[in-house]
């Protein structure tokens, strides 16, 4: 008996099977999606393949782990407090609600709850693009207390997305104004463009502004938004159809840069 055991785990959204020795050290791992067995101990190749044999599906490559790319090295060097990748959709609002919850007997619902639900809905839709080669960072902090609700990086470029809760209401777009229901129009499109401009400055790359409407009754346009894409939650998946702008290596490099909190400190 080799004494090796196989332990399933998920790392960075991918399922892996780790082959561990009796002392708990990792000897190898099997990446099902890539069809590759990564050997840390070459001298135990046969034992590793024997332990993994019941789990292998189809032909697999066997060899040492791939050399980390510069983007991967940059990610690994980040201190956990400086890494924005773990941020949940609406992270800033979740923290604010936890620190200062609304009074229990408030007459009207806390508007932060509606804003949070909108960011969560948009965030979930954007996270589903991950399998198509896209990355999304949520609640990216900017100096002065501002933030980019969602930053999307993928083959089609970079997008700064602002969520807007409009459930069951009519939305009228008259650049730069946005009117929701019977509320007074607000120059929200100017704010959306400003978010993208600050992100462009931080990343030294073009970032496109996007306004994401959450469950509108209908959308009317009297003056077409300049340079701003307007989507509803249900059609945010259209971003995945965009391509031909960034190569995979560029996507990874920009993602590594964007997830570092220090990148945003001077914008």
C-alpha atoms as a PDB file:
ATOM      1  CA  UNK A   1       0.000   0.000   0.000  1.00  0.00           C
ATOM      2  CA  UNK A   2       1.335   3.443  -0.934  1.00  0.00           C
ATOM      3  CA  UNK A   3      -0.347   5.275   1.942  1.00  0.00           C
ATOM      4  CA  UNK A   4      -1.586   7.980  -0.435  1.00  0.00           C
ATOM      5  CA  UNK A   5      -5.130   9.274  -0.113  1.00  0.00           C
ATOM      6  CA  UNK A   6      -7.265  11.309  -2.495  1.00  0.00           C
ATOM      7  CA  UNK A   7      -8.979  14.421  -1.111  1.00  0.00           C
ATOM      8  CA  UNK A   8     -11.517  16.398  -3.203  1.00  0.00           C
ATOM      9  CA  UNK A   9     -11.482  20.189  -2.867  1.00  0.00           C
ATOM     10  CA  UNK A  10     -12.427  23.340  -4.740  1.00  0.00           C
ATOM     11  CA  UNK A  11      -9.861  26.058  -5.417  1.00  0.00           C
ATOM     12  CA  UNK A  12     -10.656  29.291  -7.267  1.00  0.00           C
ATOM     13  CA  UNK A  13     -13.952  27.839  -8.459  1.00  0.00           C
ATOM     14  CA  UNK A  14     -12.387  24.665  -9.901  1.00  0.00           C
ATOM     15  CA  UNK A  15     -12.788  21.122  -8.602  1.00  0.00           C
ATOM     16  CA  UNK A  16      -9.525  19.327  -7.914  1.00  0.00           C
ATOM     17  CA  UNK A  17      -8.514  15.985  -6.432  1.00  0.00           C
ATOM     18  CA  UNK A  18      -5.467  16.285  -4.183  1.00  0.00           C
ATOM     19  CA  UNK A  19      -3.229  13.276  -3.552  1.00  0.00           C
ATOM     20  CA  UNK A  20      -1.799  13.508  -0.039  1.00  0.00           C
ATOM     21  CA  UNK A  21       0.812  11.520   1.852  1.00  0.00           C
ATOM     22  CA  UNK A  22       0.419  10.098   5.338  1.00  0.00           C
ATOM     23  CA  UNK A  23       1.877  13.304   6.812  1.00  0.00           C
ATOM     24  CA  UNK A  24      -0.759  15.428   5.054  1.00  0.00           C
ATOM     25  CA  UNK A  25       1.626  16.879   2.470  1.00  0.00           C
ATOM     26  CA  UNK A  26       0.389  17.232  -1.124  1.00  0.00           C
ATOM     27  CA  UNK A  27       2.133  14.915  -3.574  1.00  0.00           C
ATOM     28  CA  UNK A  28       0.042  15.774  -6.648  1.00  0.00           C
ATOM     29  CA  UNK A  29      -3.340  17.049  -7.780  1.00  0.00           C
ATOM     30  CA  UNK A  30      -5.708  16.145 -10.590  1.00  0.00           C
ATOM     31  CA  UNK A  31      -7.413  18.989 -12.440  1.00  0.00           C
ATOM     32  CA  UNK A  32     -10.444  17.375 -14.101  1.00  0.00           C
ATOM     33  CA  UNK A  33     -11.279  20.394 -16.249  1.00  0.00           C
ATOM     34  CA  UNK A  34      -7.767  20.637 -17.679  1.00  0.00           C
ATOM     35  CA  UNK A  35      -7.353  16.843 -17.895  1.00  0.00           C
ATOM     36  CA  UNK A  36      -3.987  17.031 -16.147  1.00  0.00           C
ATOM     37  CA  UNK A  37      -2.258  15.387 -13.192  1.00  0.00           C
ATOM     38  CA  UNK A  38       0.251  17.813 -11.675  1.00  0.00           C
ATOM     39  CA  UNK A  39       3.092  15.979  -9.927  1.00  0.00           C
ATOM     40  CA  UNK A  40       4.985  17.630  -7.105  1.00  0.00           C
ATOM     41  CA  UNK A  41       6.898  14.402  -6.379  1.00  0.00           C
ATOM     42  CA  UNK A  42       8.045  12.878  -9.698  1.00  0.00           C
ATOM     43  CA  UNK A  43       9.482   9.873  -7.866  1.00  0.00           C
ATOM     44  CA  UNK A  44       5.956   8.851  -6.803  1.00  0.00           C
ATOM     45  CA  UNK A  45       4.394   9.034 -10.268  1.00  0.00           C
ATOM     46  CA  UNK A  46       3.203   5.410 -10.366  1.00  0.00           C
ATOM     47  CA  UNK A  47       1.780   5.546  -6.842  1.00  0.00           C
ATOM     48  CA  UNK A  48      -0.094   8.763  -7.650  1.00  0.00           C
ATOM     49  CA  UNK A  49      -1.587   7.341 -10.855  1.00  0.00           C
ATOM     50  CA  UNK A  50      -2.618   4.183  -9.005  1.00  0.00           C
ATOM     51  CA  UNK A  51      -4.370   6.210  -6.299  1.00  0.00           C
ATOM     52  CA  UNK A  52      -6.138   8.382  -8.894  1.00  0.00           C
ATOM     53  CA  UNK A  53      -7.026   5.523 -11.239  1.00  0.00           C
ATOM     54  CA  UNK A  54     -10.694   5.210 -10.085  1.00  0.00           C
ATOM     55  CA  UNK A  55     -11.194   8.938 -10.691  1.00  0.00           C
ATOM     56  CA  UNK A  56      -9.482   9.478 -14.035  1.00  0.00           C
ATOM     57  CA  UNK A  57     -11.778  10.079 -17.009  1.00  0.00           C
ATOM     58  CA  UNK A  58     -10.253   9.741 -20.448  1.00  0.00           C
ATOM     59  CA  UNK A  59      -6.658  10.539 -21.383  1.00  0.00           C
ATOM     60  CA  UNK A  60      -4.754  12.850 -19.048  1.00  0.00           C
ATOM     61  CA  UNK A  61      -1.449  14.706 -19.225  1.00  0.00           C
ATOM     62  CA  UNK A  62       1.004  14.004 -16.413  1.00  0.00           C
ATOM     63  CA  UNK A  63       3.826  16.300 -15.420  1.00  0.00           C
ATOM     64  CA  UNK A  64       5.083  18.982 -13.037  1.00  0.00           C
ATOM     65  CA  UNK A  65       2.779  21.898 -12.157  1.00  0.00           C
ATOM     66  CA  UNK A  66       2.788  24.696 -14.750  1.00  0.00           C
ATOM     67  CA  UNK A  67       5.018  27.681 -14.053  1.00  0.00           C
ATOM     68  CA  UNK A  68       2.911  30.529 -12.619  1.00  0.00           C
ATOM     69  CA  UNK A  69       2.285  33.429 -14.967  1.00  0.00           C
ATOM     70  CA  UNK A  70       3.245  36.976 -13.889  1.00  0.00           C
ATOM     71  CA  UNK A  71      -0.441  37.650 -13.188  1.00  0.00           C
ATOM     72  CA  UNK A  72      -0.693  34.583 -10.950  1.00  0.00           C
ATOM     73  CA  UNK A  73       2.466  35.558  -9.078  1.00  0.00           C
ATOM     74  CA  UNK A  74       1.088  39.046  -8.514  1.00  0.00           C
ATOM     75  CA  UNK A  75      -2.140  37.565  -7.170  1.00  0.00           C
ATOM     76  CA  UNK A  76      -0.320  35.205  -4.830  1.00  0.00           C
ATOM     77  CA  UNK A  77       1.781  38.049  -3.443  1.00  0.00           C
ATOM     78  CA  UNK A  78      -1.271  40.096  -2.403  1.00  0.00           C
ATOM     79  CA  UNK A  79      -1.973  40.466   1.294  1.00  0.00           C
ATOM     80  CA  UNK A  80      -5.527  39.207   2.016  1.00  0.00           C
ATOM     81  CA  UNK A  81      -6.566  42.663   3.262  1.00  0.00           C
ATOM     82  CA  UNK A  82      -5.541  44.184  -0.087  1.00  0.00           C
ATOM     83  CA  UNK A  83      -7.252  41.603  -2.312  1.00  0.00           C
ATOM     84  CA  UNK A  84     -10.617  42.808  -3.623  1.00  0.00           C
ATOM     85  CA  UNK A  85     -11.497  39.532  -5.365  1.00  0.00           C
ATOM     86  CA  UNK A  86     -13.353  38.058  -2.338  1.00  0.00           C
ATOM     87  CA  UNK A  87     -15.706  41.073  -2.175  1.00  0.00           C
ATOM     88  CA  UNK A  88     -19.348  40.045  -2.419  1.00  0.00           C
ATOM     89  CA  UNK A  89     -21.825  42.004  -4.542  1.00  0.00           C
ATOM     90  CA  UNK A  90     -22.860  44.964  -2.401  1.00  0.00           C
ATOM     91  CA  UNK A  91     -19.981  44.385   0.034  1.00  0.00           C
ATOM     92  CA  UNK A  92     -19.884  48.034   1.142  1.00  0.00           C
ATOM     93  CA  UNK A  93     -23.643  48.077   1.781  1.00  0.00           C
ATOM     94  CA  UNK A  94     -23.483  44.808   3.708  1.00  0.00           C
ATOM     95  CA  UNK A  95     -20.830  46.284   5.982  1.00  0.00           C
ATOM     96  CA  UNK A  96     -22.775  49.548   6.402  1.00  0.00           C
ATOM     97  CA  UNK A  97     -25.987  47.709   7.305  1.00  0.00           C
ATOM     98  CA  UNK A  98     -24.125  45.556   9.787  1.00  0.00           C
ATOM     99  CA  UNK A  99     -22.496  48.554  11.476  1.00  0.00           C
ATOM    100  CA  UNK A 100     -25.543  50.825  11.426  1.00  0.00           C
ATOM    101  CA  UNK A 101     -28.762  48.839  10.953  1.00  0.00           C
ATOM    102  CA  UNK A 102     -32.007  50.708  10.380  1.00  0.00           C
ATOM    103  CA  UNK A 103     -34.291  51.203  13.404  1.00  0.00           C
ATOM    104  CA  UNK A 104     -36.587  48.256  13.995  1.00  0.00           C
ATOM    105  CA  UNK A 105     -39.749  50.384  13.742  1.00  0.00           C
ATOM    106  CA  UNK A 106     -38.777  52.442  10.698  1.00  0.00           C
ATOM    107  CA  UNK A 107     -41.915  53.550   8.822  1.00  0.00           C
ATOM    108  CA  UNK A 108     -40.359  53.148   5.371  1.00  0.00           C
ATOM    109  CA  UNK A 109     -38.043  50.373   4.183  1.00  0.00           C
ATOM    110  CA  UNK A 110     -34.357  51.210   4.415  1.00  0.00           C
ATOM    111  CA  UNK A 111     -33.355  52.314   0.865  1.00  0.00           C
ATOM    112  CA  UNK A 112     -30.006  50.612   1.410  1.00  0.00           C
ATOM    113  CA  UNK A 113     -31.828  47.279   1.324  1.00  0.00           C
ATOM    114  CA  UNK A 114     -33.215  47.977  -2.163  1.00  0.00           C
ATOM    115  CA  UNK A 115     -29.797  49.116  -3.359  1.00  0.00           C
ATOM    116  CA  UNK A 116     -28.207  45.986  -1.897  1.00  0.00           C
ATOM    117  CA  UNK A 117     -30.743  43.679  -3.558  1.00  0.00           C
ATOM    118  CA  UNK A 118     -30.042  45.387  -6.889  1.00  0.00           C
ATOM    119  CA  UNK A 119     -26.271  44.997  -6.560  1.00  0.00           C
ATOM    120  CA  UNK A 120     -26.680  41.356  -5.597  1.00  0.00           C
ATOM    121  CA  UNK A 121     -28.910  40.639  -8.594  1.00  0.00           C
ATOM    122  CA  UNK A 122     -26.501  42.332 -10.999  1.00  0.00           C
ATOM    123  CA  UNK A 123     -23.492  40.719  -9.323  1.00  0.00           C
ATOM    124  CA  UNK A 124     -24.969  37.234  -9.667  1.00  0.00           C
ATOM    125  CA  UNK A 125     -25.653  37.834 -13.362  1.00  0.00           C
ATOM    126  CA  UNK A 126     -22.098  39.052 -13.962  1.00  0.00           C
ATOM    127  CA  UNK A 127     -20.525  36.214 -11.973  1.00  0.00           C
ATOM    128  CA  UNK A 128     -22.151  33.773 -14.388  1.00  0.00           C
ATOM    129  CA  UNK A 129     -19.845  35.127 -17.124  1.00  0.00           C
ATOM    130  CA  UNK A 130     -16.837  33.615 -15.348  1.00  0.00           C
ATOM    131  CA  UNK A 131     -16.876  30.438 -17.436  1.00  0.00           C
ATOM    132  CA  UNK A 132     -16.635  32.481 -20.635  1.00  0.00           C
ATOM    133  CA  UNK A 133     -13.271  33.955 -19.687  1.00  0.00           C
ATOM    134  CA  UNK A 134     -14.544  36.996 -17.768  1.00  0.00           C
ATOM    135  CA  UNK A 135     -13.736  38.228 -14.259  1.00  0.00           C
ATOM    136  CA  UNK A 136     -15.904  40.474 -12.080  1.00  0.00           C
ATOM    137  CA  UNK A 137     -14.817  42.478  -9.044  1.00  0.00           C
ATOM    138  CA  UNK A 138     -17.539  43.857  -6.776  1.00  0.00           C
ATOM    139  CA  UNK A 139     -17.719  46.996  -4.648  1.00  0.00           C
ATOM    140  CA  UNK A 140     -14.341  48.388  -5.732  1.00  0.00           C
ATOM    141  CA  UNK A 141     -13.510  51.228  -3.283  1.00  0.00           C
ATOM    142  CA  UNK A 142     -12.494  54.648  -4.584  1.00  0.00           C
ATOM    143  CA  UNK A 143     -11.046  57.571  -2.611  1.00  0.00           C
ATOM    144  CA  UNK A 144     -13.649  59.865  -1.083  1.00  0.00           C
ATOM    145  CA  UNK A 145     -16.065  57.072  -0.194  1.00  0.00           C
ATOM    146  CA  UNK A 146     -17.146  56.360  -3.773  1.00  0.00           C
ATOM    147  CA  UNK A 147     -16.979  52.933  -5.377  1.00  0.00           C
ATOM    148  CA  UNK A 148     -17.436  51.075  -8.618  1.00  0.00           C
ATOM    149  CA  UNK A 149     -20.366  48.710  -8.050  1.00  0.00           C
ATOM    150  CA  UNK A 150     -18.968  46.066 -10.431  1.00  0.00           C
ATOM    151  CA  UNK A 151     -15.859  45.991 -12.610  1.00  0.00           C
ATOM    152  CA  UNK A 152     -16.023  43.435 -15.429  1.00  0.00           C
ATOM    153  CA  UNK A 153     -12.902  42.337 -17.332  1.00  0.00           C
ATOM    154  CA  UNK A 154     -12.993  39.945 -20.263  1.00  0.00           C
ATOM    155  CA  UNK A 155     -12.370  39.335 -23.964  1.00  0.00           C
ATOM    156  CA  UNK A 156     -14.704  42.198 -24.878  1.00  0.00           C
ATOM    157  CA  UNK A 157     -12.849  44.762 -22.753  1.00  0.00           C
ATOM    158  CA  UNK A 158     -13.421  46.427 -19.382  1.00  0.00           C
ATOM    159  CA  UNK A 159     -16.746  47.695 -18.049  1.00  0.00           C
ATOM    160  CA  UNK A 160     -17.673  49.710 -14.966  1.00  0.00           C
ATOM    161  CA  UNK A 161     -21.236  48.693 -14.069  1.00  0.00           C
ATOM    162  CA  UNK A 162     -23.545  50.686 -11.796  1.00  0.00           C
ATOM    163  CA  UNK A 163     -26.666  48.933 -10.474  1.00  0.00           C
ATOM    164  CA  UNK A 164     -29.969  50.800 -10.204  1.00  0.00           C
ATOM    165  CA  UNK A 165     -33.041  49.376  -8.404  1.00  0.00           C
ATOM    166  CA  UNK A 166     -36.163  50.219 -10.438  1.00  0.00           C
ATOM    167  CA  UNK A 167     -38.449  47.258  -9.791  1.00  0.00           C
ATOM    168  CA  UNK A 168     -41.802  47.673 -11.540  1.00  0.00           C
ATOM    169  CA  UNK A 169     -41.177  51.321 -12.472  1.00  0.00           C
ATOM    170  CA  UNK A 170     -40.861  53.195 -15.739  1.00  0.00           C
ATOM    171  CA  UNK A 171     -37.375  54.471 -16.552  1.00  0.00           C
ATOM    172  CA  UNK A 172     -36.853  57.443 -18.862  1.00  0.00           C
ATOM    173  CA  UNK A 173     -33.360  58.159 -20.211  1.00  0.00           C
ATOM    174  CA  UNK A 174     -32.573  61.701 -21.360  1.00  0.00           C
ATOM    175  CA  UNK A 175     -28.790  61.962 -21.211  1.00  0.00           C
ATOM    176  CA  UNK A 176     -27.454  62.836 -18.682  1.00  0.00           C
ATOM    177  CA  UNK A 177     -30.742  62.484 -16.772  1.00  0.00           C
ATOM    178  CA  UNK A 178     -32.431  59.305 -15.604  1.00  0.00           C
ATOM    179  CA  UNK A 179     -35.981  59.424 -14.282  1.00  0.00           C
ATOM    180  CA  UNK A 180     -37.349  56.496 -12.280  1.00  0.00           C
ATOM    181  CA  UNK A 181     -41.110  56.408 -11.824  1.00  0.00           C
ATOM    182  CA  UNK A 182     -42.345  59.733 -10.443  1.00  0.00           C
ATOM    183  CA  UNK A 183     -39.032  60.722  -8.914  1.00  0.00           C
ATOM    184  CA  UNK A 184     -37.197  63.832  -9.985  1.00  0.00           C
ATOM    185  CA  UNK A 185     -34.725  63.156 -12.837  1.00  0.00           C
ATOM    186  CA  UNK A 186     -31.116  62.780 -11.721  1.00  0.00           C
ATOM    187  CA  UNK A 187     -27.905  63.175 -13.783  1.00  0.00           C
ATOM    188  CA  UNK A 188     -27.047  59.548 -13.126  1.00  0.00           C
ATOM    189  CA  UNK A 189     -25.435  58.901 -16.520  1.00  0.00           C
ATOM    190  CA  UNK A 190     -22.829  61.532 -15.663  1.00  0.00           C
ATOM    191  CA  UNK A 191     -22.017  59.527 -12.542  1.00  0.00           C
ATOM    192  CA  UNK A 192     -21.791  56.284 -14.529  1.00  0.00           C
ATOM    193  CA  UNK A 193     -19.308  57.875 -16.947  1.00  0.00           C
ATOM    194  CA  UNK A 194     -17.295  59.300 -14.044  1.00  0.00           C
ATOM    195  CA  UNK A 195     -16.953  55.803 -12.539  1.00  0.00           C
ATOM    196  CA  UNK A 196     -15.600  54.487 -15.834  1.00  0.00           C
ATOM    197  CA  UNK A 197     -13.223  57.450 -16.211  1.00  0.00           C
ATOM    198  CA  UNK A 198     -11.716  56.870 -12.770  1.00  0.00           C
ATOM    199  CA  UNK A 199     -11.339  53.164 -13.468  1.00  0.00           C
ATOM    200  CA  UNK A 200      -9.643  53.973 -16.799  1.00  0.00           C
ATOM    201  CA  UNK A 201      -7.175  56.231 -15.001  1.00  0.00           C
ATOM    202  CA  UNK A 202      -6.384  53.583 -12.371  1.00  0.00           C
ATOM    203  CA  UNK A 203      -5.896  50.741 -14.854  1.00  0.00           C
ATOM    204  CA  UNK A 204      -4.408  52.811 -17.713  1.00  0.00           C
ATOM    205  CA  UNK A 205      -6.890  51.084 -20.039  1.00  0.00           C
ATOM    206  CA  UNK A 206     -10.212  52.053 -21.586  1.00  0.00           C
ATOM    207  CA  UNK A 207     -13.142  51.198 -19.318  1.00  0.00           C
ATOM    208  CA  UNK A 208     -16.681  51.433 -20.727  1.00  0.00           C
ATOM    209  CA  UNK A 209     -19.581  52.706 -18.578  1.00  0.00           C
ATOM    210  CA  UNK A 210     -22.646  50.507 -18.075  1.00  0.00           C
ATOM    211  CA  UNK A 211     -25.924  51.198 -16.278  1.00  0.00           C
ATOM    212  CA  UNK A 212     -27.706  48.034 -15.131  1.00  0.00           C
ATOM    213  CA  UNK A 213     -31.434  48.424 -14.469  1.00  0.00           C
ATOM    214  CA  UNK A 214     -32.957  45.885 -12.106  1.00  0.00           C
ATOM    215  CA  UNK A 215     -36.489  44.798 -13.084  1.00  0.00           C
ATOM    216  CA  UNK A 216     -37.876  47.948 -14.800  1.00  0.00           C
ATOM    217  CA  UNK A 217     -41.491  47.948 -15.999  1.00  0.00           C
ATOM    218  CA  UNK A 218     -40.326  49.606 -19.215  1.00  0.00           C
ATOM    219  CA  UNK A 219     -37.477  51.752 -20.480  1.00  0.00           C
ATOM    220  CA  UNK A 220     -37.948  54.833 -22.669  1.00  0.00           C
ATOM    221  CA  UNK A 221     -35.205  56.895 -24.300  1.00  0.00           C
ATOM    222  CA  UNK A 222     -35.702  60.521 -25.293  1.00  0.00           C
ATOM    223  CA  UNK A 223     -31.994  61.381 -25.625  1.00  0.00           C
ATOM    224  CA  UNK A 224     -29.729  58.389 -26.303  1.00  0.00           C
ATOM    225  CA  UNK A 225     -27.041  57.879 -23.652  1.00  0.00           C
ATOM    226  CA  UNK A 226     -23.611  58.940 -24.898  1.00  0.00           C
ATOM    227  CA  UNK A 227     -21.042  56.143 -24.598  1.00  0.00           C
ATOM    228  CA  UNK A 228     -23.080  54.389 -21.888  1.00  0.00           C
ATOM    229  CA  UNK A 229     -24.427  50.887 -22.405  1.00  0.00           C
ATOM    230  CA  UNK A 230     -27.787  50.350 -20.693  1.00  0.00           C
ATOM    231  CA  UNK A 231     -28.753  46.806 -19.768  1.00  0.00           C
ATOM    232  CA  UNK A 232     -31.315  45.040 -17.631  1.00  0.00           C
ATOM    233  CA  UNK A 233     -30.261  42.149 -15.417  1.00  0.00           C
ATOM    234  CA  UNK A 234     -31.706  39.659 -17.882  1.00  0.00           C
ATOM    235  CA  UNK A 235     -29.591  40.848 -20.811  1.00  0.00           C
ATOM    236  CA  UNK A 236     -26.265  41.426 -19.038  1.00  0.00           C
ATOM    237  CA  UNK A 237     -25.209  38.073 -20.487  1.00  0.00           C
ATOM    238  CA  UNK A 238     -24.904  39.897 -23.830  1.00  0.00           C
ATOM    239  CA  UNK A 239     -21.519  41.165 -22.617  1.00  0.00           C
ATOM    240  CA  UNK A 240     -20.183  37.620 -23.024  1.00  0.00           C
ATOM    241  CA  UNK A 241     -20.790  37.882 -26.782  1.00  0.00           C
ATOM    242  CA  UNK A 242     -18.311  40.736 -27.048  1.00  0.00           C
ATOM    243  CA  UNK A 243     -14.776  39.785 -27.973  1.00  0.00           C
ATOM    244  CA  UNK A 244     -11.730  40.604 -29.994  1.00  0.00           C
ATOM    245  CA  UNK A 245     -10.466  43.315 -27.644  1.00  0.00           C
ATOM    246  CA  UNK A 246      -8.336  41.593 -24.999  1.00  0.00           C
ATOM    247  CA  UNK A 247      -6.255  38.438 -25.186  1.00  0.00           C
ATOM    248  CA  UNK A 248      -6.522  35.954 -22.280  1.00  0.00           C
ATOM    249  CA  UNK A 249      -3.111  37.030 -20.941  1.00  0.00           C
ATOM    250  CA  UNK A 250      -4.221  40.676 -20.975  1.00  0.00           C
ATOM    251  CA  UNK A 251      -7.442  39.784 -19.156  1.00  0.00           C
ATOM    252  CA  UNK A 252      -5.496  38.005 -16.414  1.00  0.00           C
ATOM    253  CA  UNK A 253      -2.939  40.814 -16.082  1.00  0.00           C
ATOM    254  CA  UNK A 254      -5.639  43.491 -15.784  1.00  0.00           C
ATOM    255  CA  UNK A 255      -7.589  41.372 -13.308  1.00  0.00           C
ATOM    256  CA  UNK A 256      -4.483  40.947 -11.147  1.00  0.00           C
ATOM    257  CA  UNK A 257      -3.925  44.697 -11.228  1.00  0.00           C
ATOM    258  CA  UNK A 258      -7.562  45.595 -10.545  1.00  0.00           C
ATOM    259  CA  UNK A 259      -7.951  43.292  -7.558  1.00  0.00           C
ATOM    260  CA  UNK A 260      -5.116  45.069  -5.695  1.00  0.00           C
ATOM    261  CA  UNK A 261      -6.617  47.711  -3.405  1.00  0.00           C
ATOM    262  CA  UNK A 262      -3.567  49.939  -3.860  1.00  0.00           C
ATOM    263  CA  UNK A 263      -4.366  50.324  -7.568  1.00  0.00           C
ATOM    264  CA  UNK A 264      -7.361  52.481  -6.643  1.00  0.00           C
ATOM    265  CA  UNK A 265      -5.758  54.624  -3.952  1.00  0.00           C
ATOM    266  CA  UNK A 266      -5.002  57.683  -6.120  1.00  0.00           C
ATOM    267  CA  UNK A 267      -7.912  58.006  -8.588  1.00  0.00           C
END
